[in-house]
Amino acid sequence: RDSWSEVVQILEDEGMITMEGDFSTIDHELLDA
């Protein structure tokens, strides 16, 4: 549960959610850093 990205992946693998469109865990505001 510490990683939202991991939770989303687990939920999708379990068929509980469907991701639509582009999905990224990259924080674009901090990408350079």
PDB file of all heavy atoms in Angstrom:
ATOM      1  N   ARG A   1       0.813  -1.217   0.000  1.00  0.00           N
ATOM      2  CA  ARG A   1       0.000   0.000   0.000  1.00  0.00           C
ATOM      3  C   ARG A   1       0.846   1.266   0.000  1.00  0.00           C
ATOM      4  O   ARG A   1       0.328   2.359  -0.187  1.00  0.00           O
ATOM      5  CB  ARG A   1      -0.930   0.023   1.213  1.00  0.00           C
ATOM      6  CG  ARG A   1      -2.071  -0.969   1.104  1.00  0.00           C
ATOM      7  CD  ARG A   1      -3.008  -0.857   2.270  1.00  0.00           C
ATOM      8  NE  ARG A   1      -2.465  -1.641   3.376  1.00  0.00           N
ATOM      9  CZ  ARG A   1      -2.596  -1.326   4.649  1.00  0.00           C
ATOM     10  NH1 ARG A   1      -3.231  -0.250   5.022  1.00  0.00           N
ATOM     11  NH2 ARG A   1      -2.075  -2.096   5.579  1.00  0.00           N
ATOM     12  N   ASP A   2       2.156   1.137   0.210  1.00  0.00           N
ATOM     13  CA  ASP A   2       3.041   2.301   0.257  1.00  0.00           C
ATOM     14  C   ASP A   2       3.170   2.989  -1.093  1.00  0.00           C
ATOM     15  O   ASP A   2       3.485   4.168  -1.154  1.00  0.00           O
ATOM     16  CB  ASP A   2       4.436   1.899   0.729  1.00  0.00           C
ATOM     17  CG  ASP A   2       4.473   1.579   2.209  1.00  0.00           C
ATOM     18  OD1 ASP A   2       3.516   1.928   2.916  1.00  0.00           O
ATOM     19  OD2 ASP A   2       5.464   0.975   2.655  1.00  0.00           O
ATOM     20  N   SER A   3       2.962   2.257  -2.170  1.00  0.00           N
ATOM     21  CA  SER A   3       3.157   2.796  -3.507  1.00  0.00           C
ATOM     22  C   SER A   3       1.825   2.827  -4.260  1.00  0.00           C
ATOM     23  O   SER A   3       1.240   1.780  -4.539  1.00  0.00           O
ATOM     24  CB  SER A   3       4.159   1.933  -4.279  1.00  0.00           C
ATOM     25  OG  SER A   3       4.131   2.238  -5.651  1.00  0.00           O
ATOM     26  N   TRP A   4       1.366   4.039  -4.579  1.00  0.00           N
ATOM     27  CA  TRP A   4       0.116   4.160  -5.328  1.00  0.00           C
ATOM     28  C   TRP A   4       0.229   3.464  -6.681  1.00  0.00           C
ATOM     29  O   TRP A   4      -0.705   2.827  -7.145  1.00  0.00           O
ATOM     30  CB  TRP A   4      -0.256   5.626  -5.495  1.00  0.00           C
ATOM     31  CG  TRP A   4      -1.516   5.824  -6.271  1.00  0.00           C
ATOM     32  CD1 TRP A   4      -1.654   6.461  -7.451  1.00  0.00           C
ATOM     33  CD2 TRP A   4      -2.822   5.358  -5.930  1.00  0.00           C
ATOM     34  NE1 TRP A   4      -2.956   6.418  -7.867  1.00  0.00           N
ATOM     35  CE2 TRP A   4      -3.701   5.743  -6.952  1.00  0.00           C
ATOM     36  CE3 TRP A   4      -3.343   4.624  -4.857  1.00  0.00           C
ATOM     37  CZ2 TRP A   4      -5.064   5.439  -6.939  1.00  0.00           C
ATOM     38  CZ3 TRP A   4      -4.700   4.323  -4.846  1.00  0.00           C
ATOM     39  CH2 TRP A   4      -5.535   4.731  -5.868  1.00  0.00           C
ATOM     40  N   SER A   5       1.377   3.548  -7.286  1.00  0.00           N
ATOM     41  CA  SER A   5       1.602   2.891  -8.567  1.00  0.00           C
ATOM     42  C   SER A   5       1.406   1.380  -8.439  1.00  0.00           C
ATOM     43  O   SER A   5       0.779   0.742  -9.292  1.00  0.00           O
ATOM     44  CB  SER A   5       3.013   3.197  -9.073  1.00  0.00           C
ATOM     45  OG  SER A   5       3.285   2.477 -10.244  1.00  0.00           O
ATOM     46  N   GLU A   6       1.942   0.804  -7.365  1.00  0.00           N
ATOM     47  CA  GLU A   6       1.793  -0.632  -7.149  1.00  0.00           C
ATOM     48  C   GLU A   6       0.341  -0.993  -6.884  1.00  0.00           C
ATOM     49  O   GLU A   6      -0.170  -1.999  -7.397  1.00  0.00           O
ATOM     50  CB  GLU A   6       2.683  -1.088  -5.982  1.00  0.00           C
ATOM     51  CG  GLU A   6       2.686  -2.589  -5.800  1.00  0.00           C
ATOM     52  CD  GLU A   6       3.698  -3.063  -4.763  1.00  0.00           C
ATOM     53  OE1 GLU A   6       4.449  -2.244  -4.210  1.00  0.00           O
ATOM     54  OE2 GLU A   6       3.728  -4.274  -4.512  1.00  0.00           O
ATOM     55  N   VAL A   7      -0.356  -0.194  -6.085  1.00  0.00           N
ATOM     56  CA  VAL A   7      -1.772  -0.446  -5.797  1.00  0.00           C
ATOM     57  C   VAL A   7      -2.583  -0.429  -7.091  1.00  0.00           C
ATOM     58  O   VAL A   7      -3.405  -1.320  -7.332  1.00  0.00           O
ATOM     59  CB  VAL A   7      -2.328   0.585  -4.788  1.00  0.00           C
ATOM     60  CG1 VAL A   7      -3.845   0.494  -4.675  1.00  0.00           C
ATOM     61  CG2 VAL A   7      -1.683   0.396  -3.422  1.00  0.00           C
ATOM     62  N   VAL A   8      -2.352   0.567  -7.931  1.00  0.00           N
ATOM     63  CA  VAL A   8      -3.076   0.665  -9.198  1.00  0.00           C
ATOM     64  C   VAL A   8      -2.807  -0.570 -10.055  1.00  0.00           C
ATOM     65  O   VAL A   8      -3.727  -1.142 -10.637  1.00  0.00           O
ATOM     66  CB  VAL A   8      -2.694   1.965  -9.947  1.00  0.00           C
ATOM     67  CG1 VAL A   8      -3.207   1.941 -11.380  1.00  0.00           C
ATOM     68  CG2 VAL A   8      -3.227   3.174  -9.201  1.00  0.00           C
ATOM     69  N   GLN A   9      -1.553  -1.001 -10.112  1.00  0.00           N
ATOM     70  CA  GLN A   9      -1.203  -2.178 -10.912  1.00  0.00           C
ATOM     71  C   GLN A   9      -1.901  -3.429 -10.375  1.00  0.00           C
ATOM     72  O   GLN A   9      -2.423  -4.243 -11.138  1.00  0.00           O
ATOM     73  CB  GLN A   9       0.309  -2.386 -10.952  1.00  0.00           C
ATOM     74  CG  GLN A   9       0.725  -3.498 -11.888  1.00  0.00           C
ATOM     75  CD  GLN A   9       0.336  -3.197 -13.327  1.00  0.00           C
ATOM     76  OE1 GLN A   9       0.726  -2.181 -13.867  1.00  0.00           O
ATOM     77  NE2 GLN A   9      -0.429  -4.085 -13.934  1.00  0.00           N
ATOM     78  N   ILE A  10      -1.926  -3.585  -9.061  1.00  0.00           N
ATOM     79  CA  ILE A  10      -2.586  -4.741  -8.450  1.00  0.00           C
ATOM     80  C   ILE A  10      -4.083  -4.711  -8.755  1.00  0.00           C
ATOM     81  O   ILE A  10      -4.669  -5.736  -9.134  1.00  0.00           O
ATOM     82  CB  ILE A  10      -2.337  -4.775  -6.923  1.00  0.00           C
ATOM     83  CG1 ILE A  10      -0.858  -5.052  -6.640  1.00  0.00           C
ATOM     84  CG2 ILE A  10      -3.219  -5.813  -6.252  1.00  0.00           C
ATOM     85  CD1 ILE A  10      -0.455  -4.832  -5.192  1.00  0.00           C
ATOM     86  N   LEU A  11      -4.704  -3.546  -8.594  1.00  0.00           N
ATOM     87  CA  LEU A  11      -6.134  -3.430  -8.872  1.00  0.00           C
ATOM     88  C   LEU A  11      -6.443  -3.772 -10.328  1.00  0.00           C
ATOM     89  O   LEU A  11      -7.429  -4.450 -10.622  1.00  0.00           O
ATOM     90  CB  LEU A  11      -6.635  -2.021  -8.541  1.00  0.00           C
ATOM     91  CG  LEU A  11      -6.670  -1.648  -7.065  1.00  0.00           C
ATOM     92  CD1 LEU A  11      -7.003  -0.169  -6.908  1.00  0.00           C
ATOM     93  CD2 LEU A  11      -7.665  -2.506  -6.304  1.00  0.00           C
ATOM     94  N   GLU A  12      -5.587  -3.327 -11.230  1.00  0.00           N
ATOM     95  CA  GLU A  12      -5.789  -3.629 -12.642  1.00  0.00           C
ATOM     96  C   GLU A  12      -5.581  -5.122 -12.904  1.00  0.00           C
ATOM     97  O   GLU A  12      -6.381  -5.751 -13.606  1.00  0.00           O
ATOM     98  CB  GLU A  12      -4.849  -2.794 -13.505  1.00  0.00           C
ATOM     99  CG  GLU A  12      -5.136  -2.941 -14.985  1.00  0.00           C
ATOM    100  CD  GLU A  12      -4.372  -1.956 -15.827  1.00  0.00           C
ATOM    101  OE1 GLU A  12      -3.233  -1.587 -15.467  1.00  0.00           O
ATOM    102  OE2 GLU A  12      -4.907  -1.553 -16.865  1.00  0.00           O
ATOM    103  N   ASP A  13      -4.552  -5.704 -12.313  1.00  0.00           N
ATOM    104  CA  ASP A  13      -4.297  -7.136 -12.479  1.00  0.00           C
ATOM    105  C   ASP A  13      -5.449  -7.979 -11.950  1.00  0.00           C
ATOM    106  O   ASP A  13      -5.754  -9.040 -12.502  1.00  0.00           O
ATOM    107  CB  ASP A  13      -3.002  -7.544 -11.767  1.00  0.00           C
ATOM    108  CG  ASP A  13      -1.752  -6.991 -12.421  1.00  0.00           C
ATOM    109  OD1 ASP A  13      -1.834  -6.490 -13.571  1.00  0.00           O
ATOM    110  OD2 ASP A  13      -0.686  -7.034 -11.769  1.00  0.00           O
ATOM    111  N   GLU A  14      -6.090  -7.508 -10.884  1.00  0.00           N
ATOM    112  CA  GLU A  14      -7.217  -8.217 -10.282  1.00  0.00           C
ATOM    113  C   GLU A  14      -8.534  -7.976 -11.029  1.00  0.00           C
ATOM    114  O   GLU A  14      -9.556  -8.554 -10.683  1.00  0.00           O
ATOM    115  CB  GLU A  14      -7.387  -7.808  -8.814  1.00  0.00           C
ATOM    116  CG  GLU A  14      -6.252  -8.263  -7.919  1.00  0.00           C
ATOM    117  CD  GLU A  14      -6.227  -9.772  -7.720  1.00  0.00           C
ATOM    118  OE1 GLU A  14      -7.308 -10.374  -7.615  1.00  0.00           O
ATOM    119  OE2 GLU A  14      -5.118 -10.334  -7.657  1.00  0.00           O
ATOM    120  N   GLY A  15      -8.500  -7.104 -12.032  1.00  0.00           N
ATOM    121  CA  GLY A  15      -9.708  -6.813 -12.807  1.00  0.00           C
ATOM    122  C   GLY A  15     -10.687  -5.892 -12.102  1.00  0.00           C
ATOM    123  O   GLY A  15     -11.848  -5.794 -12.492  1.00  0.00           O
ATOM    124  N   MET A  16     -10.218  -5.199 -11.079  1.00  0.00           N
ATOM    125  CA  MET A  16     -11.091  -4.315 -10.311  1.00  0.00           C
ATOM    126  C   MET A  16     -11.212  -2.931 -10.943  1.00  0.00           C
ATOM    127  O   MET A  16     -12.184  -2.229 -10.689  1.00  0.00           O
ATOM    128  CB  MET A  16     -10.607  -4.212  -8.869  1.00  0.00           C
ATOM    129  CG  MET A  16     -10.564  -5.569  -8.174  1.00  0.00           C
ATOM    130  SD  MET A  16     -10.001  -5.464  -6.490  1.00  0.00           S
ATOM    131  CE  MET A  16     -11.592  -5.505  -5.666  1.00  0.00           C
ATOM    132  N   ILE A  17     -10.186  -2.546 -11.722  1.00  0.00           N
ATOM    133  CA  ILE A  17     -10.209  -1.275 -12.438  1.00  0.00           C
ATOM    134  C   ILE A  17      -9.664  -1.491 -13.841  1.00  0.00           C
ATOM    135  O   ILE A  17      -8.981  -2.481 -14.104  1.00  0.00           O
ATOM    136  CB  ILE A  17      -9.371  -0.175 -11.729  1.00  0.00           C
ATOM    137  CG1 ILE A  17      -7.888  -0.566 -11.682  1.00  0.00           C
ATOM    138  CG2 ILE A  17      -9.934   0.147 -10.354  1.00  0.00           C
ATOM    139  CD1 ILE A  17      -6.973   0.557 -11.218  1.00  0.00           C
ATOM    140  N   THR A  18      -9.961  -0.554 -14.709  1.00  0.00           N
ATOM    141  CA  THR A  18      -9.386  -0.529 -16.044  1.00  0.00           C
ATOM    142  C   THR A  18      -8.781   0.847 -16.248  1.00  0.00           C
ATOM    143  O   THR A  18      -9.451   1.860 -16.043  1.00  0.00           O
ATOM    144  CB  THR A  18     -10.467  -0.780 -17.118  1.00  0.00           C
ATOM    145  OG1 THR A  18     -11.054  -2.054 -16.874  1.00  0.00           O
ATOM    146  CG2 THR A  18      -9.884  -0.742 -18.509  1.00  0.00           C
ATOM    147  N   MET A  19      -7.507   0.857 -16.612  1.00  0.00           N
ATOM    148  CA  MET A  19      -6.843   2.122 -16.890  1.00  0.00           C
ATOM    149  C   MET A  19      -7.149   2.510 -18.332  1.00  0.00           C
ATOM    150  O   MET A  19      -7.039   1.688 -19.235  1.00  0.00           O
ATOM    151  CB  MET A  19      -5.338   2.006 -16.677  1.00  0.00           C
ATOM    152  CG  MET A  19      -4.949   1.702 -15.235  1.00  0.00           C
ATOM    153  SD  MET A  19      -5.631   2.843 -14.023  1.00  0.00           S
ATOM    154  CE  MET A  19      -4.854   4.364 -14.505  1.00  0.00           C
ATOM    155  N   GLU A  20      -7.530   3.747 -18.523  1.00  0.00           N
ATOM    156  CA  GLU A  20      -7.875   4.249 -19.849  1.00  0.00           C
ATOM    157  C   GLU A  20      -6.888   5.337 -20.243  1.00  0.00           C
ATOM    158  O   GLU A  20      -6.509   6.162 -19.419  1.00  0.00           O
ATOM    159  CB  GLU A  20      -9.297   4.816 -19.846  1.00  0.00           C
ATOM    160  CG  GLU A  20     -10.335   3.775 -19.476  1.00  0.00           C
ATOM    161  CD  GLU A  20     -11.708   4.368 -19.257  1.00  0.00           C
ATOM    162  OE1 GLU A  20     -11.807   5.551 -18.903  1.00  0.00           O
ATOM    163  OE2 GLU A  20     -12.681   3.622 -19.425  1.00  0.00           O
ATOM    164  N   GLY A  21      -6.458   5.320 -21.479  1.00  0.00           N
ATOM    165  CA  GLY A  21      -5.543   6.351 -21.954  1.00  0.00           C
ATOM    166  C   GLY A  21      -4.162   6.166 -21.375  1.00  0.00           C
ATOM    167  O   GLY A  21      -3.787   5.105 -20.899  1.00  0.00           O
ATOM    168  N   ASP A  22      -3.378   7.239 -21.408  1.00  0.00           N
ATOM    169  CA  ASP A  22      -2.014   7.198 -20.894  1.00  0.00           C
ATOM    170  C   ASP A  22      -2.029   7.281 -19.382  1.00  0.00           C
ATOM    171  O   ASP A  22      -2.754   8.079 -18.800  1.00  0.00           O
ATOM    172  CB  ASP A  22      -1.188   8.357 -21.448  1.00  0.00           C
ATOM    173  CG  ASP A  22      -0.944   8.231 -22.936  1.00  0.00           C
ATOM    174  OD1 ASP A  22      -0.988   7.089 -23.445  1.00  0.00           O
ATOM    175  OD2 ASP A  22      -0.718   9.260 -23.595  1.00  0.00           O
ATOM    176  N   PHE A  23      -1.212   6.454 -18.764  1.00  0.00           N
ATOM    177  CA  PHE A  23      -1.088   6.465 -17.314  1.00  0.00           C
ATOM    178  C   PHE A  23       0.381   6.466 -16.976  1.00  0.00           C
ATOM    179  O   PHE A  23       1.147   5.664 -17.493  1.00  0.00           O
ATOM    180  CB  PHE A  23      -1.767   5.245 -16.689  1.00  0.00           C
ATOM    181  CG  PHE A  23      -1.540   5.131 -15.214  1.00  0.00           C
ATOM    182  CD1 PHE A  23      -2.192   5.983 -14.341  1.00  0.00           C
ATOM    183  CD2 PHE A  23      -0.669   4.203 -14.704  1.00  0.00           C
ATOM    184  CE1 PHE A  23      -1.977   5.893 -12.979  1.00  0.00           C
ATOM    185  CE2 PHE A  23      -0.448   4.099 -13.339  1.00  0.00           C
ATOM    186  CZ  PHE A  23      -1.105   4.947 -12.474  1.00  0.00           C
ATOM    187  N   SER A  24       0.776   7.389 -16.133  1.00  0.00           N
ATOM    188  CA  SER A  24       2.170   7.473 -15.737  1.00  0.00           C
ATOM    189  C   SER A  24       2.248   7.894 -14.285  1.00  0.00           C
ATOM    190  O   SER A  24       1.427   8.673 -13.802  1.00  0.00           O
ATOM    191  CB  SER A  24       2.895   8.497 -16.604  1.00  0.00           C
ATOM    192  OG  SER A  24       4.194   8.688 -16.124  1.00  0.00           O
ATOM    193  N   THR A  25       3.250   7.377 -13.600  1.00  0.00           N
ATOM    194  CA  THR A  25       3.491   7.805 -12.220  1.00  0.00           C
ATOM    195  C   THR A  25       4.547   8.890 -12.151  1.00  0.00           C
ATOM    196  O   THR A  25       4.941   9.299 -11.072  1.00  0.00           O
ATOM    197  CB  THR A  25       3.937   6.603 -11.359  1.00  0.00           C
ATOM    198  OG1 THR A  25       5.122   6.062 -11.922  1.00  0.00           O
ATOM    199  CG2 THR A  25       2.857   5.554 -11.285  1.00  0.00           C
ATOM    200  N   ILE A  26       4.997   9.360 -13.302  1.00  0.00           N
ATOM    201  CA  ILE A  26       6.010  10.407 -13.335  1.00  0.00           C
ATOM    202  C   ILE A  26       5.386  11.742 -12.956  1.00  0.00           C
ATOM    203  O   ILE A  26       4.346  12.128 -13.481  1.00  0.00           O
ATOM    204  CB  ILE A  26       6.654  10.508 -14.730  1.00  0.00           C
ATOM    205  CG1 ILE A  26       7.444   9.234 -15.036  1.00  0.00           C
ATOM    206  CG2 ILE A  26       7.548  11.742 -14.849  1.00  0.00           C
ATOM    207  CD1 ILE A  26       7.991   9.180 -16.430  1.00  0.00           C
ATOM    208  N   ASP A  27       6.015  12.428 -12.037  1.00  0.00           N
ATOM    209  CA  ASP A  27       5.598  13.770 -11.665  1.00  0.00           C
ATOM    210  C   ASP A  27       6.282  14.724 -12.644  1.00  0.00           C
ATOM    211  O   ASP A  27       7.466  15.014 -12.522  1.00  0.00           O
ATOM    212  CB  ASP A  27       6.021  14.069 -10.232  1.00  0.00           C
ATOM    213  CG  ASP A  27       5.566  15.422  -9.749  1.00  0.00           C
ATOM    214  OD1 ASP A  27       5.215  16.283 -10.601  1.00  0.00           O
ATOM    215  OD2 ASP A  27       5.561  15.638  -8.541  1.00  0.00           O
ATOM    216  N   HIS A  28       5.544  15.176 -13.644  1.00  0.00           N
ATOM    217  CA  HIS A  28       6.131  15.977 -14.704  1.00  0.00           C
ATOM    218  C   HIS A  28       6.713  17.296 -14.204  1.00  0.00           C
ATOM    219  O   HIS A  28       7.654  17.821 -14.795  1.00  0.00           O
ATOM    220  CB  HIS A  28       5.113  16.223 -15.821  1.00  0.00           C
ATOM    221  CG  HIS A  28       4.760  14.965 -16.546  1.00  0.00           C
ATOM    222  ND1 HIS A  28       5.595  14.366 -17.457  1.00  0.00           N
ATOM    223  CD2 HIS A  28       3.672  14.161 -16.452  1.00  0.00           C
ATOM    224  CE1 HIS A  28       5.039  13.263 -17.910  1.00  0.00           C
ATOM    225  NE2 HIS A  28       3.876  13.107 -17.316  1.00  0.00           N
ATOM    226  N   GLU A  29       6.191  17.815 -13.092  1.00  0.00           N
ATOM    227  CA  GLU A  29       6.739  19.051 -12.547  1.00  0.00           C
ATOM    228  C   GLU A  29       8.131  18.836 -11.962  1.00  0.00           C
ATOM    229  O   GLU A  29       8.921  19.763 -11.883  1.00  0.00           O
ATOM    230  CB  GLU A  29       5.807  19.605 -11.468  1.00  0.00           C
ATOM    231  CG  GLU A  29       4.483  20.088 -12.018  1.00  0.00           C
ATOM    232  CD  GLU A  29       3.559  20.588 -10.931  1.00  0.00           C
ATOM    233  OE1 GLU A  29       3.982  20.698  -9.759  1.00  0.00           O
ATOM    234  OE2 GLU A  29       2.402  20.872 -11.256  1.00  0.00           O
ATOM    235  N   LEU A  30       8.435  17.605 -11.555  1.00  0.00           N
ATOM    236  CA  LEU A  30       9.733  17.315 -10.959  1.00  0.00           C
ATOM    237  C   LEU A  30      10.606  16.446 -11.862  1.00  0.00           C
ATOM    238  O   LEU A  30      11.634  15.928 -11.423  1.00  0.00           O
ATOM    239  CB  LEU A  30       9.545  16.613  -9.613  1.00  0.00           C
ATOM    240  CG  LEU A  30       8.858  17.439  -8.534  1.00  0.00           C
ATOM    241  CD1 LEU A  30       8.612  16.607  -7.295  1.00  0.00           C
ATOM    242  CD2 LEU A  30       9.678  18.660  -8.195  1.00  0.00           C
ATOM    243  N   LEU A  31      10.229  16.307 -13.115  1.00  0.00           N
ATOM    244  CA  LEU A  31      10.943  15.425 -14.028  1.00  0.00           C
ATOM    245  C   LEU A  31      12.426  15.778 -14.137  1.00  0.00           C
ATOM    246  O   LEU A  31      13.287  14.900 -14.059  1.00  0.00           O
ATOM    247  CB  LEU A  31      10.293  15.438 -15.412  1.00  0.00           C
ATOM    248  CG  LEU A  31      10.878  14.476 -16.434  1.00  0.00           C
ATOM    249  CD1 LEU A  31      10.831  13.047 -15.934  1.00  0.00           C
ATOM    250  CD2 LEU A  31      10.150  14.608 -17.759  1.00  0.00           C
ATOM    251  N   ASP A  32      12.757  17.044 -14.281  1.00  0.00           N
ATOM    252  CA  ASP A  32      14.163  17.437 -14.395  1.00  0.00           C
ATOM    253  C   ASP A  32      14.959  17.035 -13.160  1.00  0.00           C
ATOM    254  O   ASP A  32      16.076  16.522 -13.263  1.00  0.00           O
ATOM    255  CB  ASP A  32      14.300  18.940 -14.636  1.00  0.00           C
ATOM    256  CG  ASP A  32      13.825  19.355 -16.016  1.00  0.00           C
ATOM    257  OD1 ASP A  32      13.776  18.488 -16.914  1.00  0.00           O
ATOM    258  OD2 ASP A  32      13.503  20.540 -16.192  1.00  0.00           O
ATOM    259  N   ALA A  33      14.385  17.240 -11.981  1.00  0.00           N
ATOM    260  CA  ALA A  33      15.066  16.867 -10.744  1.00  0.00           C
ATOM    261  C   ALA A  33      15.226  15.352 -10.647  1.00  0.00           C
ATOM    262  O   ALA A  33      16.261  14.851 -10.199  1.00  0.00           O
ATOM    263  CB  ALA A  33      14.304  17.395  -9.536  1.00  0.00           C
TER     264      ALA A  33
END
